[in-house]
Amino acid sequence: MRVIIPSQLRSYTRGAAEVEMDGATLAELLANLDAAFPGIRFRMVDELGRIRPHIKIFVALESARSLDVEVQPTDEIKIVGALSGG
């Protein structure tokens, strides 16, 4: 499935704005993403397996609140990082 990568994480994907990845759940998809691009999962998921507060992950336009969300091969996964500034 298509995974949209935010600009602040593209250094992990060698600059790619989107990648193709598979998995039955969001947890499995992120594990596969981390296998392909080491270190990226830790930027999105904390040590307790929760999505970090500054990250939003959308599965087919629905905000995922946990990694247990099932994903379908036709789903688009969009990762969004919070913006800050002053």
PDB file of N, CA and C in Angstrom:
ATOM      1  N   MET A   1       0.826  -1.181   0.000  1.00  0.00           N
ATOM      2  CA  MET A   1       0.000   0.000   0.000  1.00  0.00           C
ATOM      3  C   MET A   1       0.871   1.245   0.000  1.00  0.00           C
ATOM      4  N   ARG A   2       0.290   2.317  -0.367  1.00  0.00           N
ATOM      5  CA  ARG A   2       1.006   3.587  -0.479  1.00  0.00           C
ATOM      6  C   ARG A   2       1.101   4.246   0.893  1.00  0.00           C
ATOM      7  N   VAL A   3       2.317   4.625   1.287  1.00  0.00           N
ATOM      8  CA  VAL A   3       2.560   5.303   2.560  1.00  0.00           C
ATOM      9  C   VAL A   3       3.157   6.667   2.249  1.00  0.00           C
ATOM     10  N   ILE A   4       2.463   7.709   2.694  1.00  0.00           N
ATOM     11  CA  ILE A   4       2.916   9.088   2.491  1.00  0.00           C
ATOM     12  C   ILE A   4       3.794   9.479   3.680  1.00  0.00           C
ATOM     13  N   ILE A   5       5.010   9.905   3.386  1.00  0.00           N
ATOM     14  CA  ILE A   5       6.007  10.234   4.412  1.00  0.00           C
ATOM     15  C   ILE A   5       6.104  11.749   4.570  1.00  0.00           C
ATOM     16  N   PRO A   6       6.011  12.270   5.810  1.00  0.00           N
ATOM     17  CA  PRO A   6       6.152  13.725   5.997  1.00  0.00           C
ATOM     18  C   PRO A   6       7.599  14.169   5.781  1.00  0.00           C
ATOM     19  N   SER A   7       7.772  15.424   5.468  1.00  0.00           N
ATOM     20  CA  SER A   7       9.108  15.934   5.141  1.00  0.00           C
ATOM     21  C   SER A   7      10.117  15.707   6.261  1.00  0.00           C
ATOM     22  N   GLN A   8       9.692  15.800   7.523  1.00  0.00           N
ATOM     23  CA  GLN A   8      10.650  15.640   8.618  1.00  0.00           C
ATOM     24  C   GLN A   8      11.152  14.202   8.795  1.00  0.00           C
ATOM     25  N   LEU A   9      10.544  13.227   8.117  1.00  0.00           N
ATOM     26  CA  LEU A   9      11.012  11.841   8.193  1.00  0.00           C
ATOM     27  C   LEU A   9      11.634  11.345   6.890  1.00  0.00           C
ATOM     28  N   ARG A  10      11.703  12.185   5.895  1.00  0.00           N
ATOM     29  CA  ARG A  10      12.214  11.748   4.591  1.00  0.00           C
ATOM     30  C   ARG A  10      13.705  11.468   4.578  1.00  0.00           C
ATOM     31  N   SER A  11      14.434  11.934   5.565  1.00  0.00           N
ATOM     32  CA  SER A  11      15.857  11.580   5.625  1.00  0.00           C
ATOM     33  C   SER A  11      16.015  10.074   5.837  1.00  0.00           C
ATOM     34  N   TYR A  12      15.019   9.437   6.448  1.00  0.00           N
ATOM     35  CA  TYR A  12      15.055   7.982   6.639  1.00  0.00           C
ATOM     36  C   TYR A  12      14.748   7.237   5.339  1.00  0.00           C
ATOM     37  N   THR A  13      13.929   7.832   4.484  1.00  0.00           N
ATOM     38  CA  THR A  13      13.509   7.173   3.244  1.00  0.00           C
ATOM     39  C   THR A  13      14.325   7.632   2.041  1.00  0.00           C
ATOM     40  N   ARG A  14      15.496   8.178   2.305  1.00  0.00           N
ATOM     41  CA  ARG A  14      16.382   8.682   1.245  1.00  0.00           C
ATOM     42  C   ARG A  14      15.674   9.716   0.369  1.00  0.00           C
ATOM     43  N   GLY A  15      14.833  10.536   1.028  1.00  0.00           N
ATOM     44  CA  GLY A  15      14.160  11.626   0.331  1.00  0.00           C
ATOM     45  C   GLY A  15      12.819  11.280  -0.287  1.00  0.00           C
ATOM     46  N   ALA A  16      12.425  10.023  -0.236  1.00  0.00           N
ATOM     47  CA  ALA A  16      11.153   9.618  -0.857  1.00  0.00           C
ATOM     48  C   ALA A  16       9.963  10.181  -0.089  1.00  0.00           C
ATOM     49  N   ALA A  17       9.050  10.801  -0.816  1.00  0.00           N
ATOM     50  CA  ALA A  17       7.832  11.358  -0.222  1.00  0.00           C
ATOM     51  C   ALA A  17       6.763  10.297  -0.026  1.00  0.00           C
ATOM     52  N   GLU A  18       6.872   9.200  -0.747  1.00  0.00           N
ATOM     53  CA  GLU A  18       5.958   8.077  -0.564  1.00  0.00           C
ATOM     54  C   GLU A  18       6.682   6.785  -0.889  1.00  0.00           C
ATOM     55  N   VAL A  19       6.252   5.722  -0.213  1.00  0.00           N
ATOM     56  CA  VAL A  19       6.832   4.406  -0.416  1.00  0.00           C
ATOM     57  C   VAL A  19       5.711   3.379  -0.462  1.00  0.00           C
ATOM     58  N   GLU A  20       6.001   2.230  -1.023  1.00  0.00           N
ATOM     59  CA  GLU A  20       5.057   1.110  -1.022  1.00  0.00           C
ATOM     60  C   GLU A  20       5.472   0.157   0.096  1.00  0.00           C
ATOM     61  N   MET A  21       4.496  -0.249   0.898  1.00  0.00           N
ATOM     62  CA  MET A  21       4.773  -1.127   2.027  1.00  0.00           C
ATOM     63  C   MET A  21       3.571  -2.031   2.224  1.00  0.00           C
ATOM     64  N   ASP A  22       3.757  -3.151   2.924  1.00  0.00           N
ATOM     65  CA  ASP A  22       2.628  -4.024   3.195  1.00  0.00           C
ATOM     66  C   ASP A  22       2.568  -4.361   4.678  1.00  0.00           C
ATOM     67  N   GLY A  23       1.458  -4.976   5.066  1.00  0.00           N
ATOM     68  CA  GLY A  23       1.220  -5.379   6.442  1.00  0.00           C
ATOM     69  C   GLY A  23      -0.268  -5.564   6.655  1.00  0.00           C
ATOM     70  N   ALA A  24      -0.633  -6.395   7.622  1.00  0.00           N
ATOM     71  CA  ALA A  24      -2.048  -6.645   7.919  1.00  0.00           C
ATOM     72  C   ALA A  24      -2.598  -5.647   8.930  1.00  0.00           C
ATOM     73  N   THR A  25      -1.702  -5.122   9.775  1.00  0.00           N
ATOM     74  CA  THR A  25      -2.078  -4.107  10.761  1.00  0.00           C
ATOM     75  C   THR A  25      -1.111  -2.938  10.640  1.00  0.00           C
ATOM     76  N   LEU A  26      -1.462  -1.849  11.280  1.00  0.00           N
ATOM     77  CA  LEU A  26      -0.575  -0.691  11.274  1.00  0.00           C
ATOM     78  C   LEU A  26       0.749  -1.047  11.954  1.00  0.00           C
ATOM     79  N   ALA A  27       0.704  -1.843  13.019  1.00  0.00           N
ATOM     80  CA  ALA A  27       1.930  -2.265  13.706  1.00  0.00           C
ATOM     81  C   ALA A  27       2.845  -3.041  12.758  1.00  0.00           C
ATOM     82  N   GLU A  28       2.266  -3.961  11.999  1.00  0.00           N
ATOM     83  CA  GLU A  28       3.056  -4.760  11.061  1.00  0.00           C
ATOM     84  C   GLU A  28       3.601  -3.890   9.933  1.00  0.00           C
ATOM     85  N   LEU A  29       2.797  -2.977   9.442  1.00  0.00           N
ATOM     86  CA  LEU A  29       3.244  -2.074   8.388  1.00  0.00           C
ATOM     87  C   LEU A  29       4.418  -1.227   8.868  1.00  0.00           C
ATOM     88  N   LEU A  30       4.328  -0.684  10.096  1.00  0.00           N
ATOM     89  CA  LEU A  30       5.420   0.143  10.614  1.00  0.00           C
ATOM     90  C   LEU A  30       6.672  -0.685  10.887  1.00  0.00           C
ATOM     91  N   ALA A  31       6.502  -1.948  11.292  1.00  0.00           N
ATOM     92  CA  ALA A  31       7.660  -2.830  11.472  1.00  0.00           C
ATOM     93  C   ALA A  31       8.346  -3.073  10.127  1.00  0.00           C
ATOM     94  N   ASN A  32       7.554  -3.298   9.094  1.00  0.00           N
ATOM     95  CA  ASN A  32       8.115  -3.490   7.751  1.00  0.00           C
ATOM     96  C   ASN A  32       8.776  -2.210   7.248  1.00  0.00           C
ATOM     97  N   LEU A  33       8.173  -1.073   7.546  1.00  0.00           N
ATOM     98  CA  LEU A  33       8.747   0.221   7.162  1.00  0.00           C
ATOM     99  C   LEU A  33      10.101   0.407   7.848  1.00  0.00           C
ATOM    100  N   ASP A  34      10.168   0.027   9.123  1.00  0.00           N
ATOM    101  CA  ASP A  34      11.413   0.156   9.868  1.00  0.00           C
ATOM    102  C   ASP A  34      12.477  -0.823   9.371  1.00  0.00           C
ATOM    103  N   ALA A  35      12.057  -1.989   8.910  1.00  0.00           N
ATOM    104  CA  ALA A  35      13.014  -2.947   8.347  1.00  0.00           C
ATOM    105  C   ALA A  35      13.630  -2.393   7.066  1.00  0.00           C
ATOM    106  N   ALA A  36      12.815  -1.692   6.285  1.00  0.00           N
ATOM    107  CA  ALA A  36      13.301  -1.093   5.032  1.00  0.00           C
ATOM    108  C   ALA A  36      14.072   0.201   5.284  1.00  0.00           C
ATOM    109  N   PHE A  37      13.648   0.951   6.307  1.00  0.00           N
ATOM    110  CA  PHE A  37      14.244   2.260   6.614  1.00  0.00           C
ATOM    111  C   PHE A  37      14.525   2.333   8.118  1.00  0.00           C
ATOM    112  N   PRO A  38      15.627   1.733   8.575  1.00  0.00           N
ATOM    113  CA  PRO A  38      15.915   1.626  10.003  1.00  0.00           C
ATOM    114  C   PRO A  38      15.856   2.963  10.746  1.00  0.00           C
ATOM    115  N   GLY A  39      15.172   2.917  11.904  1.00  0.00           N
ATOM    116  CA  GLY A  39      15.069   4.085  12.772  1.00  0.00           C
ATOM    117  C   GLY A  39      13.810   4.894  12.602  1.00  0.00           C
ATOM    118  N   ILE A  40      13.077   4.710  11.510  1.00  0.00           N
ATOM    119  CA  ILE A  40      11.909   5.553  11.248  1.00  0.00           C
ATOM    120  C   ILE A  40      10.770   5.272  12.232  1.00  0.00           C
ATOM    121  N   ARG A  41      10.582   4.010  12.618  1.00  0.00           N
ATOM    122  CA  ARG A  41       9.477   3.662  13.514  1.00  0.00           C
ATOM    123  C   ARG A  41       9.611   4.367  14.865  1.00  0.00           C
ATOM    124  N   PHE A  42      10.834   4.435  15.396  1.00  0.00           N
ATOM    125  CA  PHE A  42      11.054   5.066  16.701  1.00  0.00           C
ATOM    126  C   PHE A  42      10.651   6.535  16.692  1.00  0.00           C
ATOM    127  N   ARG A  43      10.707   7.181  15.560  1.00  0.00           N
ATOM    128  CA  ARG A  43      10.297   8.585  15.460  1.00  0.00           C
ATOM    129  C   ARG A  43       8.778   8.742  15.526  1.00  0.00           C
ATOM    130  N   MET A  44       8.041   7.629  15.300  1.00  0.00           N
ATOM    131  CA  MET A  44       6.578   7.676  15.286  1.00  0.00           C
ATOM    132  C   MET A  44       5.933   6.964  16.474  1.00  0.00           C
ATOM    133  N   VAL A  45       6.647   5.986  17.040  1.00  0.00           N
ATOM    134  CA  VAL A  45       6.087   5.132  18.082  1.00  0.00           C
ATOM    135  C   VAL A  45       7.018   5.147  19.289  1.00  0.00           C
ATOM    136  N   ASP A  46       6.448   5.317  20.494  1.00  0.00           N
ATOM    137  CA  ASP A  46       7.289   5.368  21.694  1.00  0.00           C
ATOM    138  C   ASP A  46       7.645   3.966  22.200  1.00  0.00           C
ATOM    139  N   GLU A  47       8.356   3.910  23.315  1.00  0.00           N
ATOM    140  CA  GLU A  47       8.840   2.656  23.877  1.00  0.00           C
ATOM    141  C   GLU A  47       7.708   1.746  24.345  1.00  0.00           C
ATOM    142  N   LEU A  48       6.530   2.301  24.595  1.00  0.00           N
ATOM    143  CA  LEU A  48       5.378   1.523  25.047  1.00  0.00           C
ATOM    144  C   LEU A  48       4.478   1.094  23.893  1.00  0.00           C
ATOM    145  N   GLY A  49       4.916   1.372  22.662  1.00  0.00           N
ATOM    146  CA  GLY A  49       4.130   0.966  21.505  1.00  0.00           C
ATOM    147  C   GLY A  49       2.954   1.876  21.193  1.00  0.00           C
ATOM    148  N   ARG A  50       3.035   3.102  21.645  1.00  0.00           N
ATOM    149  CA  ARG A  50       1.968   4.081  21.372  1.00  0.00           C
ATOM    150  C   ARG A  50       2.443   5.088  20.330  1.00  0.00           C
ATOM    151  N   ILE A  51       1.506   5.540  19.507  1.00  0.00           N
ATOM    152  CA  ILE A  51       1.833   6.580  18.524  1.00  0.00           C
ATOM    153  C   ILE A  51       2.199   7.840  19.292  1.00  0.00           C
ATOM    154  N   ARG A  52       3.322   8.421  18.950  1.00  0.00           N
ATOM    155  CA  ARG A  52       3.793   9.625  19.658  1.00  0.00           C
ATOM    156  C   ARG A  52       2.783  10.764  19.493  1.00  0.00           C
ATOM    157  N   PRO A  53       2.663  11.625  20.521  1.00  0.00           N
ATOM    158  CA  PRO A  53       1.654  12.698  20.493  1.00  0.00           C
ATOM    159  C   PRO A  53       1.793  13.669  19.316  1.00  0.00           C
ATOM    160  N   HIS A  54       2.994  13.881  18.836  1.00  0.00           N
ATOM    161  CA  HIS A  54       3.205  14.842  17.753  1.00  0.00           C
ATOM    162  C   HIS A  54       3.034  14.213  16.364  1.00  0.00           C
ATOM    163  N   ILE A  55       2.646  12.936  16.321  1.00  0.00           N
ATOM    164  CA  ILE A  55       2.461  12.224  15.053  1.00  0.00           C
ATOM    165  C   ILE A  55       0.997  11.818  14.909  1.00  0.00           C
ATOM    166  N   LYS A  56       0.454  12.005  13.739  1.00  0.00           N
ATOM    167  CA  LYS A  56      -0.875  11.496  13.392  1.00  0.00           C
ATOM    168  C   LYS A  56      -0.686  10.550  12.218  1.00  0.00           C
ATOM    169  N   ILE A  57      -1.365   9.416  12.287  1.00  0.00           N
ATOM    170  CA  ILE A  57      -1.308   8.449  11.191  1.00  0.00           C
ATOM    171  C   ILE A  57      -2.737   8.209  10.724  1.00  0.00           C
ATOM    172  N   PHE A  58      -2.967   8.428   9.452  1.00  0.00           N
ATOM    173  CA  PHE A  58      -4.287   8.246   8.865  1.00  0.00           C
ATOM    174  C   PHE A  58      -4.278   6.998   7.993  1.00  0.00           C
ATOM    175  N   VAL A  59      -5.271   6.154   8.200  1.00  0.00           N
ATOM    176  CA  VAL A  59      -5.462   4.949   7.402  1.00  0.00           C
ATOM    177  C   VAL A  59      -6.754   5.159   6.619  1.00  0.00           C
ATOM    178  N   ALA A  60      -6.634   5.304   5.309  1.00  0.00           N
ATOM    179  CA  ALA A  60      -7.805   5.562   4.451  1.00  0.00           C
ATOM    180  C   ALA A  60      -8.612   6.742   4.987  1.00  0.00           C
ATOM    181  N   LEU A  61      -7.932   7.828   5.307  1.00  0.00           N
ATOM    182  CA  LEU A  61      -8.496   9.096   5.776  1.00  0.00           C
ATOM    183  C   LEU A  61      -9.044   9.063   7.194  1.00  0.00           C
ATOM    184  N   GLU A  62      -8.927   7.928   7.905  1.00  0.00           N
ATOM    185  CA  GLU A  62      -9.370   7.814   9.295  1.00  0.00           C
ATOM    186  C   GLU A  62      -8.151   7.871  10.209  1.00  0.00           C
ATOM    187  N   SER A  63      -8.222   8.720  11.232  1.00  0.00           N
ATOM    188  CA  SER A  63      -7.112   8.842  12.167  1.00  0.00           C
ATOM    189  C   SER A  63      -6.978   7.560  12.995  1.00  0.00           C
ATOM    190  N   ALA A  64      -5.789   6.982  13.008  1.00  0.00           N
ATOM    191  CA  ALA A  64      -5.523   5.766  13.787  1.00  0.00           C
ATOM    192  C   ALA A  64      -5.111   6.175  15.189  1.00  0.00           C
ATOM    193  N   ARG A  65      -5.731   5.570  16.174  1.00  0.00           N
ATOM    194  CA  ARG A  65      -5.401   5.880  17.571  1.00  0.00           C
ATOM    195  C   ARG A  65      -4.487   4.826  18.190  1.00  0.00           C
ATOM    196  N   SER A  66      -4.362   3.689  17.521  1.00  0.00           N
ATOM    197  CA  SER A  66      -3.473   2.638  18.025  1.00  0.00           C
ATOM    198  C   SER A  66      -2.856   1.886  16.850  1.00  0.00           C
ATOM    199  N   LEU A  67      -1.918   1.040  17.159  1.00  0.00           N
ATOM    200  CA  LEU A  67      -1.237   0.267  16.125  1.00  0.00           C
ATOM    201  C   LEU A  67      -1.989  -1.007  15.756  1.00  0.00           C
ATOM    202  N   ASP A  68      -3.095  -1.286  16.459  1.00  0.00           N
ATOM    203  CA  ASP A  68      -3.895  -2.489  16.197  1.00  0.00           C
ATOM    204  C   ASP A  68      -4.811  -2.348  14.991  1.00  0.00           C
ATOM    205  N   VAL A  69      -4.874  -1.175  14.411  1.00  0.00           N
ATOM    206  CA  VAL A  69      -5.773  -0.923  13.287  1.00  0.00           C
ATOM    207  C   VAL A  69      -5.412  -1.836  12.117  1.00  0.00           C
ATOM    208  N   GLU A  70      -6.419  -2.520  11.580  1.00  0.00           N
ATOM    209  CA  GLU A  70      -6.193  -3.353  10.396  1.00  0.00           C
ATOM    210  C   GLU A  70      -6.079  -2.467   9.169  1.00  0.00           C
ATOM    211  N   VAL A  71      -5.204  -2.851   8.266  1.00  0.00           N
ATOM    212  CA  VAL A  71      -5.027  -2.101   7.023  1.00  0.00           C
ATOM    213  C   VAL A  71      -5.261  -3.040   5.844  1.00  0.00           C
ATOM    214  N   GLN A  72      -5.759  -2.477   4.775  1.00  0.00           N
ATOM    215  CA  GLN A  72      -6.055  -3.220   3.561  1.00  0.00           C
ATOM    216  C   GLN A  72      -5.046  -2.834   2.472  1.00  0.00           C
ATOM    217  N   PRO A  73      -4.779  -3.732   1.543  1.00  0.00           N
ATOM    218  CA  PRO A  73      -3.816  -3.431   0.475  1.00  0.00           C
ATOM    219  C   PRO A  73      -4.175  -2.192  -0.342  1.00  0.00           C
ATOM    220  N   THR A  74      -5.448  -1.818  -0.366  1.00  0.00           N
ATOM    221  CA  THR A  74      -5.876  -0.652  -1.137  1.00  0.00           C
ATOM    222  C   THR A  74      -5.860   0.643  -0.325  1.00  0.00           C
ATOM    223  N   ASP A  75      -5.583   0.556   0.977  1.00  0.00           N
ATOM    224  CA  ASP A  75      -5.566   1.741   1.837  1.00  0.00           C
ATOM    225  C   ASP A  75      -4.360   2.627   1.535  1.00  0.00           C
ATOM    226  N   GLU A  76      -4.551   3.913   1.724  1.00  0.00           N
ATOM    227  CA  GLU A  76      -3.431   4.850   1.700  1.00  0.00           C
ATOM    228  C   GLU A  76      -3.140   5.218   3.147  1.00  0.00           C
ATOM    229  N   ILE A  77      -1.880   5.148   3.526  1.00  0.00           N
ATOM    230  CA  ILE A  77      -1.451   5.495   4.874  1.00  0.00           C
ATOM    231  C   ILE A  77      -0.742   6.839   4.787  1.00  0.00           C
ATOM    232  N   LYS A  78      -1.218   7.785   5.578  1.00  0.00           N
ATOM    233  CA  LYS A  78      -0.599   9.115   5.567  1.00  0.00           C
ATOM    234  C   LYS A  78      -0.083   9.416   6.964  1.00  0.00           C
ATOM    235  N   ILE A  79       1.207   9.688   7.051  1.00  0.00           N
ATOM    236  CA  ILE A  79       1.853  10.034   8.307  1.00  0.00           C
ATOM    237  C   ILE A  79       2.016  11.552   8.318  1.00  0.00           C
ATOM    238  N   VAL A  80       1.567  12.169   9.408  1.00  0.00           N
ATOM    239  CA  VAL A  80       1.623  13.630   9.513  1.00  0.00           C
ATOM    240  C   VAL A  80       2.337  13.992  10.799  1.00  0.00           C
ATOM    241  N   GLY A  81       3.328  14.850  10.712  1.00  0.00           N
ATOM    242  CA  GLY A  81       4.035  15.333  11.882  1.00  0.00           C
ATOM    243  C   GLY A  81       3.562  16.732  12.221  1.00  0.00           C
ATOM    244  N   ALA A  82       3.507  17.016  13.522  1.00  0.00           N
ATOM    245  CA  ALA A  82       3.077  18.344  13.972  1.00  0.00           C
ATOM    246  C   ALA A  82       4.080  19.406  13.526  1.00  0.00           C
ATOM    247  N   LEU A  83       3.567  20.556  13.221  1.00  0.00           N
ATOM    248  CA  LEU A  83       4.404  21.712  12.882  1.00  0.00           C
ATOM    249  C   LEU A  83       4.435  22.637  14.068  1.00  0.00           C
ATOM    250  N   SER A  84       5.569  23.231  14.295  1.00  0.00           N
ATOM    251  CA  SER A  84       5.666  24.200  15.390  1.00  0.00           C
ATOM    252  C   SER A  84       6.528  25.360  14.920  1.00  0.00           C
ATOM    253  N   GLY A  85       6.457  26.388  15.658  1.00  0.00           N
ATOM    254  CA  GLY A  85       7.247  27.562  15.304  1.00  0.00           C
ATOM    255  C   GLY A  85       6.798  28.747  16.139  1.00  0.00           C
ATOM    256  N   GLY A  86       7.393  29.854  15.883  1.00  0.00           N
ATOM    257  CA  GLY A  86       7.026  30.978  16.725  1.00  0.00           C
ATOM    258  C   GLY A  86       7.150  32.273  16.032  1.00  0.00           C
TER     259      GLY A  86
END
